[in-house]
């Protein structure tokens, strides 16, 4: 069985993701979500956007869980 991976799907590659959560994050969370842009939306949601690898993505999702804020969506924007 081969363990070859396509370089476009390598776990170390950063891909731009958008993580949308219900509620607004205050500016104090900027350091906690380092590397992501925090955009407060008019509808009360927060949009986190930035290039992350798979390990970092899972880490950010754990942080959202730990905040107790409902996760609305995770979208891959571009590679």
Protein backbone atom coordinates (compact mmCIF):
# COMPACT_ATOMS: atom_id res chain seq x y z
CA UNK A 1 0.00 0.00 0.00
CA UNK A 2 1.46 3.34 -1.02
CA UNK A 3 1.63 6.26 1.37
CA UNK A 4 2.24 8.87 -1.34
CA UNK A 5 0.27 12.08 -1.02
CA UNK A 6 -0.47 14.71 -3.59
CA UNK A 7 1.46 17.86 -2.66
CA UNK A 8 -1.76 19.89 -2.90
CA UNK A 9 -3.31 17.88 -0.07
CA UNK A 10 -0.21 17.58 2.12
CA UNK A 11 -1.14 18.15 5.78
CA UNK A 12 1.62 20.79 6.02
CA UNK A 13 0.15 22.96 3.26
CA UNK A 14 -1.75 26.05 4.36
CA UNK A 15 -5.17 26.55 2.85
CA UNK A 16 -7.37 29.59 3.40
CA UNK A 17 -10.41 28.75 5.51
CA UNK A 18 -13.35 30.75 6.79
CA UNK A 19 -14.80 29.78 10.16
CA UNK A 20 -18.16 31.39 10.94
CA UNK A 21 -19.41 31.40 14.53
CA UNK A 22 -22.56 32.74 16.14
CA UNK A 23 -21.89 35.82 18.26
CA UNK A 24 -19.28 38.53 18.22
CA UNK A 25 -15.74 38.02 19.46
CA UNK A 26 -14.18 40.99 21.18
CA UNK A 27 -10.72 42.34 20.29
CA UNK A 28 -9.18 40.49 23.25
CA UNK A 29 -9.45 37.25 21.24
CA UNK A 30 -7.15 38.46 18.43
CA UNK A 31 -4.09 36.86 20.04
CA UNK A 32 -5.94 33.59 20.67
CA UNK A 33 -6.80 33.32 16.98
CA UNK A 34 -3.37 34.48 15.81
CA UNK A 35 -3.01 34.42 12.04
CA UNK A 36 -6.74 34.75 11.40
CA UNK A 37 -8.60 37.91 10.48
CA UNK A 38 -11.58 38.51 12.76
CA UNK A 39 -14.52 40.19 11.02
CA UNK A 40 -17.66 41.07 12.96
CA UNK A 41 -20.71 40.72 10.72
CA UNK A 42 -23.82 42.89 10.96
CA UNK A 43 -25.99 39.82 11.59
CA UNK A 44 -24.20 39.15 14.89
CA UNK A 45 -21.82 36.48 13.61
CA UNK A 46 -18.02 36.48 13.55
CA UNK A 47 -16.02 35.40 10.51
CA UNK A 48 -12.48 34.12 11.07
CA UNK A 49 -10.42 33.95 7.87
CA UNK A 50 -6.85 32.95 7.16
CA UNK A 51 -4.35 30.42 5.85
CA UNK A 52 -4.01 27.41 8.14
CA UNK A 53 -2.82 23.85 7.89
CA UNK A 54 -5.00 20.95 9.05
CA UNK A 55 -3.52 20.80 12.55
CA UNK A 56 -4.09 24.52 13.11
CA UNK A 57 -7.63 24.27 11.73
CA UNK A 58 -8.49 21.60 14.29
CA UNK A 59 -6.89 23.71 17.01
CA UNK A 60 -8.99 26.75 16.06
CA UNK A 61 -12.14 24.62 16.06
CA UNK A 62 -11.29 23.41 19.57
CA UNK A 63 -10.91 27.04 20.65
CA UNK A 64 -14.35 27.87 19.24
CA UNK A 65 -15.75 24.89 21.15
CA UNK A 66 -14.01 26.00 24.34
CA UNK A 67 -15.56 29.47 24.01
CA UNK A 68 -19.00 27.86 23.92
CA UNK A 69 -19.91 29.76 20.77
CA UNK A 70 -21.98 27.83 18.21
CA UNK A 71 -20.10 26.92 15.04
CA UNK A 72 -22.08 27.91 11.95
CA UNK A 73 -19.75 26.83 9.15
CA UNK A 74 -16.22 26.01 8.03
CA UNK A 75 -15.44 26.74 4.39
CA UNK A 76 -12.33 26.19 2.31
CA UNK A 77 -11.82 29.40 0.35
CA UNK A 78 -8.76 28.65 -1.80
CA UNK A 79 -5.57 26.60 -1.81
